[in-house]
PDB file of N, CA and C in Angstrom:
ATOM      1  N   MET A   1    -212.362-112.236  38.281  1.00  0.00           N
ATOM      2  CA  MET A   1    -212.240-110.938  37.599  1.00  0.00           C
ATOM      3  C   MET A   1    -212.968-109.827  37.686  1.00  0.00           C
ATOM      4  N   HIS A   2    -211.857-108.263  37.469  1.00  0.00           N
ATOM      5  CA  HIS A   2    -212.164-106.793  37.833  1.00  0.00           C
ATOM      6  C   HIS A   2    -213.285-106.769  36.326  1.00  0.00           C
ATOM      7  N   LEU A   3    -214.382-106.299  36.498  1.00  0.00           N
ATOM      8  CA  LEU A   3    -214.895-105.147  35.208  1.00  0.00           C
ATOM      9  C   LEU A   3    -214.839-103.843  34.745  1.00  0.00           C
ATOM     10  N   GLN A   4    -213.932-103.509  33.867  1.00  0.00           N
ATOM     11  CA  GLN A   4    -213.905-102.565  33.394  1.00  0.00           C
ATOM     12  C   GLN A   4    -214.932-102.028  33.197  1.00  0.00           C
ATOM     13  N   GLU A   5    -214.765-100.425  32.997  1.00  0.00           N
ATOM     14  CA  GLU A   5    -216.436 -99.020  32.441  1.00  0.00           C
ATOM     15  C   GLU A   5    -216.515 -99.929  31.206  1.00  0.00           C
ATOM     16  N   SER A   6    -216.090-100.816  29.685  1.00  0.00           N
ATOM     17  CA  SER A   6    -216.372-101.291  28.922  1.00  0.00           C
ATOM     18  C   SER A   6    -216.789-102.621  28.649  1.00  0.00           C
ATOM     19  N   GLY A   7    -216.662-103.482  30.086  1.00  0.00           N
ATOM     20  CA  GLY A   7    -217.187-104.495  30.398  1.00  0.00           C
ATOM     21  C   GLY A   7    -218.807-104.028  30.921  1.00  0.00           C
ATOM     22  N   GLU A   8    -218.663-103.170  32.259  1.00  0.00           N
ATOM     23  CA  GLU A   8    -220.006-103.320  32.929  1.00  0.00           C
ATOM     24  C   GLU A   8    -221.268-102.587  31.677  1.00  0.00           C
ATOM     25  N   MET A   9    -220.365-102.186  30.266  1.00  0.00           N
ATOM     26  CA  MET A   9    -221.581-101.370  29.481  1.00  0.00           C
ATOM     27  C   MET A   9    -222.067-102.490  28.676  1.00  0.00           C
ATOM     28  N   TYR A  10    -220.964-102.762  28.349  1.00  0.00           N
ATOM     29  CA  TYR A  10    -221.055-104.634  27.432  1.00  0.00           C
ATOM     30  C   TYR A  10    -222.191-105.461  28.593  1.00  0.00           C
ATOM     31  N   LEU A  11    -223.106-105.447  29.119  1.00  0.00           N
ATOM     32  CA  LEU A  11    -223.776-106.146  30.251  1.00  0.00           C
ATOM     33  C   LEU A  11    -224.698-105.407  30.341  1.00  0.00           C
ATOM     34  N   GLU A  12    -224.279-103.943  30.857  1.00  0.00           N
ATOM     35  CA  GLU A  12    -225.263-102.734  31.296  1.00  0.00           C
ATOM     36  C   GLU A  12    -226.988-103.340  29.789  1.00  0.00           C
ATOM     37  N   THR A  13    -225.831-103.544  28.519  1.00  0.00           N
ATOM     38  CA  THR A  13    -226.343-103.709  27.071  1.00  0.00           C
ATOM     39  C   THR A  13    -227.436-104.557  27.032  1.00  0.00           C
ATOM     40  N   ILE A  14    -226.094-105.829  26.918  1.00  0.00           N
ATOM     41  CA  ILE A  14    -227.096-106.904  26.721  1.00  0.00           C
ATOM     42  C   ILE A  14    -228.248-107.016  28.306  1.00  0.00           C
ATOM     43  N   TYR A  15    -228.460-106.254  29.160  1.00  0.00           N
ATOM     44  CA  TYR A  15    -229.796-106.259  29.720  1.00  0.00           C
ATOM     45  C   TYR A  15    -230.532-105.174  29.074  1.00  0.00           C
ATOM     46  N   VAL A  16    -230.223-104.557  28.769  1.00  0.00           N
ATOM     47  CA  VAL A  16    -231.390-103.820  28.342  1.00  0.00           C
ATOM     48  C   VAL A  16    -232.454-104.001  26.896  1.00  0.00           C
ATOM     49  N   LEU A  17    -231.286-105.087  26.322  1.00  0.00           N
ATOM     50  CA  LEU A  17    -231.272-105.986  24.155  1.00  0.00           C
ATOM     51  C   LEU A  17    -232.841-107.180  25.040  1.00  0.00           C
ATOM     52  N   SER A  18    -232.512-107.992  26.440  1.00  0.00           N
ATOM     53  CA  SER A  18    -232.934-108.817  26.596  1.00  0.00           C
ATOM     54  C   SER A  18    -233.864-108.198  27.263  1.00  0.00           C
ATOM     55  N   ARG A  19    -234.116-107.660  27.949  1.00  0.00           N
ATOM     56  CA  ARG A  19    -235.747-106.834  28.222  1.00  0.00           C
ATOM     57  C   ARG A  19    -237.463-106.271  27.148  1.00  0.00           C
ATOM     58  N   THR A  20    -236.283-106.430  25.505  1.00  0.00           N
ATOM     59  CA  THR A  20    -237.615-106.381  24.910  1.00  0.00           C
ATOM     60  C   THR A  20    -237.247-107.199  24.436  1.00  0.00           C
ATOM     61  N   SER A  21    -236.128-108.961  24.481  1.00  0.00           N
ATOM     62  CA  SER A  21    -236.540-109.130  23.649  1.00  0.00           C
ATOM     63  C   SER A  21    -235.899-110.623  23.904  1.00  0.00           C
ATOM     64  N   ASN A  22    -236.838-111.319  23.031  1.00  0.00           N
ATOM     65  CA  ASN A  22    -236.392-112.402  24.008  1.00  0.00           C
ATOM     66  C   ASN A  22    -234.410-113.394  23.260  1.00  0.00           C
ATOM     67  N   THR A  23    -234.643-112.713  22.573  1.00  0.00           N
ATOM     68  CA  THR A  23    -232.598-113.062  21.872  1.00  0.00           C
ATOM     69  C   THR A  23    -231.963-111.682  21.885  1.00  0.00           C
ATOM     70  N   VAL A  24    -230.321-111.951  22.559  1.00  0.00           N
ATOM     71  CA  VAL A  24    -229.798-111.035  22.662  1.00  0.00           C
ATOM     72  C   VAL A  24    -228.499-111.871  21.619  1.00  0.00           C
ATOM     73  N   ARG A  25    -228.137-111.884  20.714  1.00  0.00           N
ATOM     74  CA  ARG A  25    -226.856-112.215  18.892  1.00  0.00           C
ATOM     75  C   ARG A  25    -225.399-110.592  19.250  1.00  0.00           C
ATOM     76  N   SER A  26    -224.958-111.445  19.712  1.00  0.00           N
ATOM     77  CA  SER A  26    -223.598-110.070  19.217  1.00  0.00           C
ATOM     78  C   SER A  26    -223.873-109.113  18.767  1.00  0.00           C
ATOM     79  N   ILE A  27    -224.106-108.910  17.414  1.00  0.00           N
ATOM     80  CA  ILE A  27    -224.413-108.470  16.256  1.00  0.00           C
ATOM     81  C   ILE A  27    -225.776-108.012  16.613  1.00  0.00           C
ATOM     82  N   ASP A  28    -226.254-108.620  17.873  1.00  0.00           N
ATOM     83  CA  ASP A  28    -227.747-106.692  17.936  1.00  0.00           C
ATOM     84  C   ASP A  28    -226.470-106.266  19.522  1.00  0.00           C
ATOM     85  N   VAL A  29    -225.714-106.219  20.536  1.00  0.00           N
ATOM     86  CA  VAL A  29    -224.977-105.474  21.204  1.00  0.00           C
ATOM     87  C   VAL A  29    -223.773-104.396  20.267  1.00  0.00           C
ATOM     88  N   GLY A  30    -223.548-104.503  19.171  1.00  0.00           N
ATOM     89  CA  GLY A  30    -222.984-104.162  18.811  1.00  0.00           C
ATOM     90  C   GLY A  30    -223.229-103.094  17.299  1.00  0.00           C
ATOM     91  N   GLU A  31    -225.046-102.936  17.091  1.00  0.00           N
ATOM     92  CA  GLU A  31    -225.731-102.050  16.448  1.00  0.00           C
ATOM     93  C   GLU A  31    -226.208-101.927  17.771  1.00  0.00           C
ATOM     94  N   TYR A  32    -226.656-101.610  18.571  1.00  0.00           N
ATOM     95  CA  TYR A  32    -226.211-101.106  19.727  1.00  0.00           C
ATOM     96  C   TYR A  32    -225.914-100.145  19.877  1.00  0.00           C
ATOM     97  N   MET A  33    -224.743-100.872  20.575  1.00  0.00           N
ATOM     98  CA  MET A  33    -223.557 -99.666  21.424  1.00  0.00           C
ATOM     99  C   MET A  33    -223.015 -98.873  19.990  1.00  0.00           C
ATOM    100  N   GLY A  34    -222.964 -99.228  18.720  1.00  0.00           N
ATOM    101  CA  GLY A  34    -222.800 -98.668  17.338  1.00  0.00           C
ATOM    102  C   GLY A  34    -221.294 -99.453  18.125  1.00  0.00           C
ATOM    103  N   TYR A  35    -220.515-100.331  17.795  1.00  0.00           N
ATOM    104  CA  TYR A  35    -219.002-100.970  18.057  1.00  0.00           C
ATOM    105  C   TYR A  35    -219.185-102.108  16.919  1.00  0.00           C
ATOM    106  N   SER A  36    -217.649-101.637  16.765  1.00  0.00           N
ATOM    107  CA  SER A  36    -217.508-102.902  15.701  1.00  0.00           C
ATOM    108  C   SER A  36    -217.244-105.013  15.951  1.00  0.00           C
ATOM    109  N   LYS A  37    -218.097-105.950  15.083  1.00  0.00           N
ATOM    110  CA  LYS A  37    -217.877-107.066  15.108  1.00  0.00           C
ATOM    111  C   LYS A  37    -216.286-107.346  15.037  1.00  0.00           C
ATOM    112  N   PRO A  38    -215.263-106.778  16.328  1.00  0.00           N
ATOM    113  CA  PRO A  38    -214.265-107.546  16.125  1.00  0.00           C
ATOM    114  C   PRO A  38    -214.427-107.516  16.922  1.00  0.00           C
ATOM    115  N   SER A  39    -214.695-105.798  18.072  1.00  0.00           N
ATOM    116  CA  SER A  39    -214.655-105.683  19.166  1.00  0.00           C
ATOM    117  C   SER A  39    -215.853-105.969  19.759  1.00  0.00           C
ATOM    118  N   VAL A  40    -216.872-106.319  19.585  1.00  0.00           N
ATOM    119  CA  VAL A  40    -217.546-107.149  20.050  1.00  0.00           C
ATOM    120  C   VAL A  40    -217.571-108.618  20.525  1.00  0.00           C
ATOM    121  N   SER A  41    -216.506-108.432  19.325  1.00  0.00           N
ATOM    122  CA  SER A  41    -216.729-110.245  19.559  1.00  0.00           C
ATOM    123  C   SER A  41    -215.366-110.926  21.220  1.00  0.00           C
ATOM    124  N   ARG A  42    -214.244-109.876  20.667  1.00  0.00           N
ATOM    125  CA  ARG A  42    -213.324-109.605  21.439  1.00  0.00           C
ATOM    126  C   ARG A  42    -214.155-110.014  23.447  1.00  0.00           C
ATOM    127  N   ALA A  43    -214.837-108.409  22.755  1.00  0.00           N
ATOM    128  CA  ALA A  43    -215.832-108.169  24.131  1.00  0.00           C
ATOM    129  C   ALA A  43    -216.065-109.522  25.342  1.00  0.00           C
ATOM    130  N   MET A  44    -216.973-110.340  24.139  1.00  0.00           N
ATOM    131  CA  MET A  44    -217.685-111.593  24.304  1.00  0.00           C
ATOM    132  C   MET A  44    -216.840-112.016  25.315  1.00  0.00           C
ATOM    133  N   GLY A  45    -215.743-112.705  24.645  1.00  0.00           N
ATOM    134  CA  GLY A  45    -214.663-113.327  24.739  1.00  0.00           C
ATOM    135  C   GLY A  45    -214.734-113.191  26.400  1.00  0.00           C
ATOM    136  N   LEU A  46    -214.099-112.137  26.822  1.00  0.00           N
ATOM    137  CA  LEU A  46    -213.741-112.259  27.564  1.00  0.00           C
ATOM    138  C   LEU A  46    -215.148-112.241  28.706  1.00  0.00           C
ATOM    139  N   LEU A  47    -215.561-111.136  28.735  1.00  0.00           N
ATOM    140  CA  LEU A  47    -217.203-111.499  29.125  1.00  0.00           C
ATOM    141  C   LEU A  47    -217.512-113.333  30.112  1.00  0.00           C
ATOM    142  N   LYS A  48    -216.927-114.099  28.253  1.00  0.00           N
ATOM    143  CA  LYS A  48    -217.138-115.380  28.467  1.00  0.00           C
ATOM    144  C   LYS A  48    -216.729-116.081  29.968  1.00  0.00           C
ATOM    145  N   SER A  49    -215.192-115.949  29.459  1.00  0.00           N
ATOM    146  CA  SER A  49    -214.010-116.295  30.457  1.00  0.00           C
ATOM    147  C   SER A  49    -214.032-115.617  31.363  1.00  0.00           C
ATOM    148  N   GLY A  50    -214.708-114.851  31.833  1.00  0.00           N
ATOM    149  CA  GLY A  50    -215.126-113.835  33.752  1.00  0.00           C
ATOM    150  C   GLY A  50    -215.869-114.449  34.521  1.00  0.00           C
ATOM    151  N   GLY A  51    -217.078-115.531  33.471  1.00  0.00           N
ATOM    152  CA  GLY A  51    -217.957-115.871  34.152  1.00  0.00           C
ATOM    153  C   GLY A  51    -219.455-114.667  34.088  1.00  0.00           C
ATOM    154  N   TYR A  52    -218.963-113.685  32.995  1.00  0.00           N
ATOM    155  CA  TYR A  52    -219.956-112.607  33.409  1.00  0.00           C
ATOM    156  C   TYR A  52    -221.226-113.061  32.193  1.00  0.00           C
ATOM    157  N   VAL A  53    -221.167-113.767  31.147  1.00  0.00           N
ATOM    158  CA  VAL A  53    -222.484-113.896  29.879  1.00  0.00           C
ATOM    159  C   VAL A  53    -221.696-114.884  29.583  1.00  0.00           C
ATOM    160  N   THR A  54    -223.097-116.017  28.882  1.00  0.00           N
ATOM    161  CA  THR A  54    -222.723-117.540  28.184  1.00  0.00           C
ATOM    162  C   THR A  54    -223.827-117.253  26.376  1.00  0.00           C
ATOM    163  N   MET A  55    -222.623-118.102  26.129  1.00  0.00           N
ATOM    164  CA  MET A  55    -223.459-118.171  24.629  1.00  0.00           C
ATOM    165  C   MET A  55    -224.075-119.742  24.578  1.00  0.00           C
ATOM    166  N   ASP A  56    -224.810-119.735  23.642  1.00  0.00           N
ATOM    167  CA  ASP A  56    -224.834-121.132  22.926  1.00  0.00           C
ATOM    168  C   ASP A  56    -224.945-121.504  21.333  1.00  0.00           C
ATOM    169  N   GLU A  57    -224.798-122.347  21.287  1.00  0.00           N
ATOM    170  CA  GLU A  57    -224.635-122.726  20.174  1.00  0.00           C
ATOM    171  C   GLU A  57    -225.252-122.624  18.270  1.00  0.00           C
ATOM    172  N   GLY A  58    -226.300-120.990  19.125  1.00  0.00           N
ATOM    173  CA  GLY A  58    -226.187-120.349  17.903  1.00  0.00           C
ATOM    174  C   GLY A  58    -226.566-119.283  18.054  1.00  0.00           C
ATOM    175  N   GLY A  59    -225.259-118.557  19.603  1.00  0.00           N
ATOM    176  CA  GLY A  59    -224.624-117.452  19.149  1.00  0.00           C
ATOM    177  C   GLY A  59    -225.873-116.028  20.260  1.00  0.00           C
ATOM    178  N   PHE A  60    -226.039-116.973  20.956  1.00  0.00           N
ATOM    179  CA  PHE A  60    -227.942-116.294  22.108  1.00  0.00           C
ATOM    180  C   PHE A  60    -226.873-115.826  23.220  1.00  0.00           C
ATOM    181  N   LEU A  61    -226.667-115.268  23.718  1.00  0.00           N
ATOM    182  CA  LEU A  61    -226.172-114.678  24.675  1.00  0.00           C
ATOM    183  C   LEU A  61    -227.280-114.621  25.929  1.00  0.00           C
ATOM    184  N   THR A  62    -226.398-114.694  27.249  1.00  0.00           N
ATOM    185  CA  THR A  62    -227.408-114.753  28.461  1.00  0.00           C
ATOM    186  C   THR A  62    -226.189-114.682  29.293  1.00  0.00           C
ATOM    187  N   LEU A  63    -227.128-113.990  29.581  1.00  0.00           N
ATOM    188  CA  LEU A  63    -226.114-113.294  31.414  1.00  0.00           C
ATOM    189  C   LEU A  63    -225.672-114.297  32.414  1.00  0.00           C
ATOM    190  N   THR A  64    -224.983-114.539  33.261  1.00  0.00           N
ATOM    191  CA  THR A  64    -225.146-115.249  33.890  1.00  0.00           C
ATOM    192  C   THR A  64    -225.753-115.153  35.094  1.00  0.00           C
ATOM    193  N   GLU A  65    -225.380-115.037  36.945  1.00  0.00           N
ATOM    194  CA  GLU A  65    -226.303-114.474  37.810  1.00  0.00           C
ATOM    195  C   GLU A  65    -225.103-113.291  38.179  1.00  0.00           C
ATOM    196  N   ALA A  66    -223.383-114.463  37.959  1.00  0.00           N
ATOM    197  CA  ALA A  66    -222.903-112.645  38.359  1.00  0.00           C
ATOM    198  C   ALA A  66    -222.533-111.693  37.060  1.00  0.00           C
ATOM    199  N   GLY A  67    -223.416-111.603  35.849  1.00  0.00           N
ATOM    200  CA  GLY A  67    -223.479-110.703  34.812  1.00  0.00           C
ATOM    201  C   GLY A  67    -224.253-109.887  35.173  1.00  0.00           C
ATOM    202  N   LEU A  68    -225.997-110.579  35.856  1.00  0.00           N
ATOM    203  CA  LEU A  68    -226.568-109.639  35.859  1.00  0.00           C
ATOM    204  C   LEU A  68    -227.045-108.969  36.810  1.00  0.00           C
ATOM    205  N   ALA A  69    -226.188-109.781  37.559  1.00  0.00           N
ATOM    206  CA  ALA A  69    -226.206-108.874  39.539  1.00  0.00           C
ATOM    207  C   ALA A  69    -225.095-107.634  39.016  1.00  0.00           C
ATOM    208  N   VAL A  70    -225.169-107.630  37.744  1.00  0.00           N
ATOM    209  CA  VAL A  70    -223.196-105.872  37.277  1.00  0.00           C
ATOM    210  C   VAL A  70    -224.752-105.293  36.505  1.00  0.00           C
ATOM    211  N   ALA A  71    -224.747-106.231  35.783  1.00  0.00           N
ATOM    212  CA  ALA A  71    -226.129-104.835  34.852  1.00  0.00           C
ATOM    213  C   ALA A  71    -227.111-104.286  35.538  1.00  0.00           C
ATOM    214  N   GLU A  72    -226.980-105.731  36.228  1.00  0.00           N
ATOM    215  CA  GLU A  72    -228.612-104.737  36.869  1.00  0.00           C
ATOM    216  C   GLU A  72    -228.244-103.155  37.765  1.00  0.00           C
ATOM    217  N   LYS A  73    -226.998-103.422  38.529  1.00  0.00           N
ATOM    218  CA  LYS A  73    -226.758-102.482  39.259  1.00  0.00           C
ATOM    219  C   LYS A  73    -225.857-101.357  39.195  1.00  0.00           C
ATOM    220  N   ILE A  74    -225.841-101.373  37.223  1.00  0.00           N
ATOM    221  CA  ILE A  74    -225.716-100.181  36.652  1.00  0.00           C
ATOM    222  C   ILE A  74    -226.674 -99.988  35.759  1.00  0.00           C
ATOM    223  N   TYR A  75    -227.828-101.266  35.210  1.00  0.00           N
ATOM    224  CA  TYR A  75    -228.907 -99.766  34.319  1.00  0.00           C
ATOM    225  C   TYR A  75    -229.445 -98.885  35.512  1.00  0.00           C
ATOM    226  N   GLU A  76    -229.770 -99.927  37.466  1.00  0.00           N
ATOM    227  CA  GLU A  76    -230.324 -99.015  38.182  1.00  0.00           C
ATOM    228  C   GLU A  76    -229.408 -97.856  38.041  1.00  0.00           C
ATOM    229  N   ARG A  77    -228.301 -97.342  38.822  1.00  0.00           N
ATOM    230  CA  ARG A  77    -228.063 -96.161  38.373  1.00  0.00           C
ATOM    231  C   ARG A  77    -227.730 -94.707  37.213  1.00  0.00           C
ATOM    232  N   HIS A  78    -227.807 -95.739  36.560  1.00  0.00           N
ATOM    233  CA  HIS A  78    -228.010 -95.110  35.151  1.00  0.00           C
ATOM    234  C   HIS A  78    -229.367 -94.849  34.903  1.00  0.00           C
ATOM    235  N   THR A  79    -230.157 -95.438  34.812  1.00  0.00           N
ATOM    236  CA  THR A  79    -231.826 -95.064  35.299  1.00  0.00           C
ATOM    237  C   THR A  79    -232.376 -93.947  36.532  1.00  0.00           C
ATOM    238  N   PHE A  80    -231.236 -94.231  37.989  1.00  0.00           N
ATOM    239  CA  PHE A  80    -231.600 -93.211  38.916  1.00  0.00           C
ATOM    240  C   PHE A  80    -230.854 -91.776  38.501  1.00  0.00           C
ATOM    241  N   LEU A  81    -230.066 -91.720  38.606  1.00  0.00           N
ATOM    242  CA  LEU A  81    -228.674 -90.780  37.795  1.00  0.00           C
ATOM    243  C   LEU A  81    -229.223 -90.251  37.040  1.00  0.00           C
ATOM    244  N   THR A  82    -230.200 -90.201  35.391  1.00  0.00           N
ATOM    245  CA  THR A  82    -230.078 -90.114  34.707  1.00  0.00           C
ATOM    246  C   THR A  82    -231.812 -89.339  35.515  1.00  0.00           C
ATOM    247  N   GLU A  83    -232.439 -89.394  36.475  1.00  0.00           N
ATOM    248  CA  GLU A  83    -233.963 -89.116  36.549  1.00  0.00           C
ATOM    249  C   GLU A  83    -233.415 -88.100  37.576  1.00  0.00           C
ATOM    250  N   PHE A  84    -232.663 -87.808  38.205  1.00  0.00           N
ATOM    251  CA  PHE A  84    -232.561 -87.355  39.102  1.00  0.00           C
ATOM    252  C   PHE A  84    -231.294 -86.316  38.243  1.00  0.00           C
ATOM    253  N   LEU A  85    -231.286 -85.999  37.436  1.00  0.00           N
ATOM    254  CA  LEU A  85    -229.590 -84.405  37.272  1.00  0.00           C
ATOM    255  C   LEU A  85    -230.784 -84.396  36.515  1.00  0.00           C
ATOM    256  N   MET A  86    -232.179 -84.658  36.070  1.00  0.00           N
ATOM    257  CA  MET A  86    -233.599 -84.296  35.213  1.00  0.00           C
ATOM    258  C   MET A  86    -234.428 -83.664  36.268  1.00  0.00           C
ATOM    259  N   ARG A  87    -234.537 -83.810  37.549  1.00  0.00           N
ATOM    260  CA  ARG A  87    -235.170 -83.017  38.608  1.00  0.00           C
ATOM    261  C   ARG A  87    -234.255 -81.955  38.507  1.00  0.00           C
ATOM    262  N   LEU A  88    -233.050 -81.863  38.116  1.00  0.00           N
ATOM    263  CA  LEU A  88    -232.545 -80.429  38.842  1.00  0.00           C
ATOM    264  C   LEU A  88    -232.020 -79.358  37.756  1.00  0.00           C
ATOM    265  N   GLY A  89    -232.502 -80.450  36.628  1.00  0.00           N
ATOM    266  CA  GLY A  89    -233.000 -79.349  35.451  1.00  0.00           C
ATOM    267  C   GLY A  89    -232.068 -79.016  34.683  1.00  0.00           C
ATOM    268  N   VAL A  90    -231.315 -80.328  34.555  1.00  0.00           N
ATOM    269  CA  VAL A  90    -231.129 -81.233  32.786  1.00  0.00           C
ATOM    270  C   VAL A  90    -230.907 -81.737  32.040  1.00  0.00           C
ATOM    271  N   ASP A  91    -231.081 -81.205  30.644  1.00  0.00           N
ATOM    272  CA  ASP A  91    -231.632 -81.460  29.730  1.00  0.00           C
ATOM    273  C   ASP A  91    -230.597 -83.560  29.788  1.00  0.00           C
ATOM    274  N   GLU A  92    -232.566 -83.966  28.988  1.00  0.00           N
ATOM    275  CA  GLU A  92    -232.348 -85.225  29.313  1.00  0.00           C
ATOM    276  C   GLU A  92    -231.303 -85.306  28.133  1.00  0.00           C
ATOM    277  N   GLU A  93    -231.082 -85.213  27.720  1.00  0.00           N
ATOM    278  CA  GLU A  93    -229.435 -85.881  26.535  1.00  0.00           C
ATOM    279  C   GLU A  93    -228.476 -85.849  27.626  1.00  0.00           C
ATOM    280  N   THR A  94    -228.246 -84.768  28.277  1.00  0.00           N
ATOM    281  CA  THR A  94    -227.458 -84.394  28.430  1.00  0.00           C
ATOM    282  C   THR A  94    -226.588 -84.982  30.651  1.00  0.00           C
ATOM    283  N   ALA A  95    -228.225 -85.307  30.902  1.00  0.00           N
ATOM    284  CA  ALA A  95    -228.895 -86.065  32.088  1.00  0.00           C
ATOM    285  C   ALA A  95    -228.260 -87.227  31.578  1.00  0.00           C
ATOM    286  N   ALA A  96    -228.497 -88.604  30.786  1.00  0.00           N
ATOM    287  CA  ALA A  96    -228.099 -89.146  30.155  1.00  0.00           C
ATOM    288  C   ALA A  96    -226.476 -89.782  29.494  1.00  0.00           C
ATOM    289  N   GLU A  97    -226.196 -88.668  28.992  1.00  0.00           N
ATOM    290  CA  GLU A  97    -224.669 -88.545  28.654  1.00  0.00           C
ATOM    291  C   GLU A  97    -223.369 -88.454  30.471  1.00  0.00           C
ATOM    292  N   ASP A  98    -224.304 -87.651  31.431  1.00  0.00           N
ATOM    293  CA  ASP A  98    -223.081 -87.157  32.411  1.00  0.00           C
ATOM    294  C   ASP A  98    -224.027 -88.950  33.726  1.00  0.00           C
ATOM    295  N   ALA A  99    -224.560 -89.753  33.187  1.00  0.00           N
ATOM    296  CA  ALA A  99    -224.648 -91.259  33.779  1.00  0.00           C
ATOM    297  C   ALA A  99    -224.416 -92.064  33.245  1.00  0.00           C
ATOM    298  N   CYS A 100    -224.059 -91.455  32.531  1.00  0.00           N
ATOM    299  CA  CYS A 100    -223.497 -92.777  31.910  1.00  0.00           C
ATOM    300  C   CYS A 100    -221.761 -93.049  32.576  1.00  0.00           C
ATOM    301  N   ARG A 101    -221.905 -91.245  32.026  1.00  0.00           N
ATOM    302  CA  ARG A 101    -220.291 -91.614  33.232  1.00  0.00           C
ATOM    303  C   ARG A 101    -220.502 -91.880  34.595  1.00  0.00           C
ATOM    304  N   ILE A 102    -221.178 -91.516  34.855  1.00  0.00           N
ATOM    305  CA  ILE A 102    -221.291 -91.655  36.487  1.00  0.00           C
ATOM    306  C   ILE A 102    -221.458 -92.947  36.921  1.00  0.00           C
ATOM    307  N   GLU A 103    -222.004 -93.442  36.758  1.00  0.00           N
ATOM    308  CA  GLU A 103    -222.710 -94.654  36.889  1.00  0.00           C
ATOM    309  C   GLU A 103    -221.366 -95.482  37.424  1.00  0.00           C
ATOM    310  N   HIS A 104    -220.300 -95.806  36.678  1.00  0.00           N
ATOM    311  CA  HIS A 104    -219.314 -96.522  36.416  1.00  0.00           C
ATOM    312  C   HIS A 104    -218.461 -96.014  37.901  1.00  0.00           C
ATOM    313  N   VAL A 105    -218.475 -94.712  38.053  1.00  0.00           N
ATOM    314  CA  VAL A 105    -216.972 -94.357  39.408  1.00  0.00           C
ATOM    315  C   VAL A 105    -217.528 -94.091  40.453  1.00  0.00           C
ATOM    316  N   ILE A 106    -218.800 -94.093  40.860  1.00  0.00           N
ATOM    317  CA  ILE A 106    -219.827 -93.538  42.210  1.00  0.00           C
ATOM    318  C   ILE A 106    -219.342 -94.374  42.572  1.00  0.00           C
ATOM    319  N   SER A 107    -219.097 -94.534  43.917  1.00  0.00           N
ATOM    320  CA  SER A 107    -219.533 -95.781  44.598  1.00  0.00           C
ATOM    321  C   SER A 107    -220.056 -95.930  45.753  1.00  0.00           C
ATOM    322  N   ASP A 108    -221.133 -97.472  45.838  1.00  0.00           N
ATOM    323  CA  ASP A 108    -221.696 -97.981  46.088  1.00  0.00           C
ATOM    324  C   ASP A 108    -222.791 -97.198  47.553  1.00  0.00           C
ATOM    325  N   THR A 109    -221.527 -96.654  48.533  1.00  0.00           N
ATOM    326  CA  THR A 109    -221.676 -95.721  49.505  1.00  0.00           C
ATOM    327  C   THR A 109    -222.524 -94.144  49.496  1.00  0.00           C
ATOM    328  N   SER A 110    -221.831 -93.015  48.023  1.00  0.00           N
ATOM    329  CA  SER A 110    -222.544 -92.553  47.562  1.00  0.00           C
ATOM    330  C   SER A 110    -223.615 -92.427  46.628  1.00  0.00           C
ATOM    331  N   PHE A 111    -223.815 -93.308  45.403  1.00  0.00           N
ATOM    332  CA  PHE A 111    -225.236 -93.608  45.404  1.00  0.00           C
ATOM    333  C   PHE A 111    -226.378 -93.998  46.092  1.00  0.00           C
ATOM    334  N   ALA A 112    -225.853 -94.826  47.326  1.00  0.00           N
ATOM    335  CA  ALA A 112    -226.484 -94.672  48.138  1.00  0.00           C
ATOM    336  C   ALA A 112    -227.271 -93.921  48.867  1.00  0.00           C
ATOM    337  N   ALA A 113    -226.702 -92.709  49.025  1.00  0.00           N
ATOM    338  CA  ALA A 113    -226.441 -91.054  49.931  1.00  0.00           C
ATOM    339  C   ALA A 113    -227.756 -90.907  48.920  1.00  0.00           C
ATOM    340  N   LEU A 114    -227.028 -90.535  47.478  1.00  0.00           N
ATOM    341  CA  LEU A 114    -228.153 -89.868  46.698  1.00  0.00           C
ATOM    342  C   LEU A 114    -229.202 -90.464  46.483  1.00  0.00           C
ATOM    343  N   LYS A 115    -229.823 -91.880  47.110  1.00  0.00           N
ATOM    344  CA  LYS A 115    -230.869 -92.194  46.834  1.00  0.00           C
ATOM    345  C   LYS A 115    -231.187 -91.900  48.329  1.00  0.00           C
ATOM    346  N   GLN A 116    -231.208 -92.069  49.129  1.00  0.00           N
ATOM    347  CA  GLN A 116    -231.697 -92.026  50.284  1.00  0.00           C
ATOM    348  C   GLN A 116    -232.404 -90.967  50.116  1.00  0.00           C
ATOM    349  N   PHE A 117    -231.029 -89.164  49.545  1.00  0.00           N
ATOM    350  CA  PHE A 117    -231.036 -87.916  49.674  1.00  0.00           C
ATOM    351  C   PHE A 117    -232.653 -88.070  48.514  1.00  0.00           C
ATOM    352  N   ALA A 118    -232.179 -88.397  47.752  1.00  0.00           N
ATOM    353  CA  ALA A 118    -234.054 -88.116  46.881  1.00  0.00           C
ATOM    354  C   ALA A 118    -235.322 -88.513  46.814  1.00  0.00           C
ATOM    355  N   GLN A 119    -235.331 -89.712  47.606  1.00  0.00           N
ATOM    356  CA  GLN A 119    -236.323 -90.228  48.458  1.00  0.00           C
ATOM    357  C   GLN A 119    -237.063 -88.988  49.353  1.00  0.00           C
ATOM    358  N   LYS A 120    -236.114 -88.168  49.804  1.00  0.00           N
ATOM    359  CA  LYS A 120    -236.815 -87.090  51.235  1.00  0.00           C
ATOM    360  C   LYS A 120    -237.363 -85.556  50.459  1.00  0.00           C
TER     361      LYS A 120
END
């Protein structure tokens, strides 16, 4: 299953929330993202059927190995691109917003080149 940008955003959100809490529920994801319960419920259903997320009887979400891999990749891109843009003089809010857009479309090759350039 190929993930669209919205699926990547949901996985990244679950990842971010799980870094600060032992439990993540759909309602937490919706509150964090500002999305309605039906939207989050539909997305979780798609992510579960795609093998990216599991949900236990209590409604607690866990990223699968595949889901975690995608979430970590997107989170790394987001944090790197935000910091990179800020080092170029972009204000934090704009850098974060732009990074959020770029992180989903930049190729692995271009991202690796940017990381290598930033390390020089």
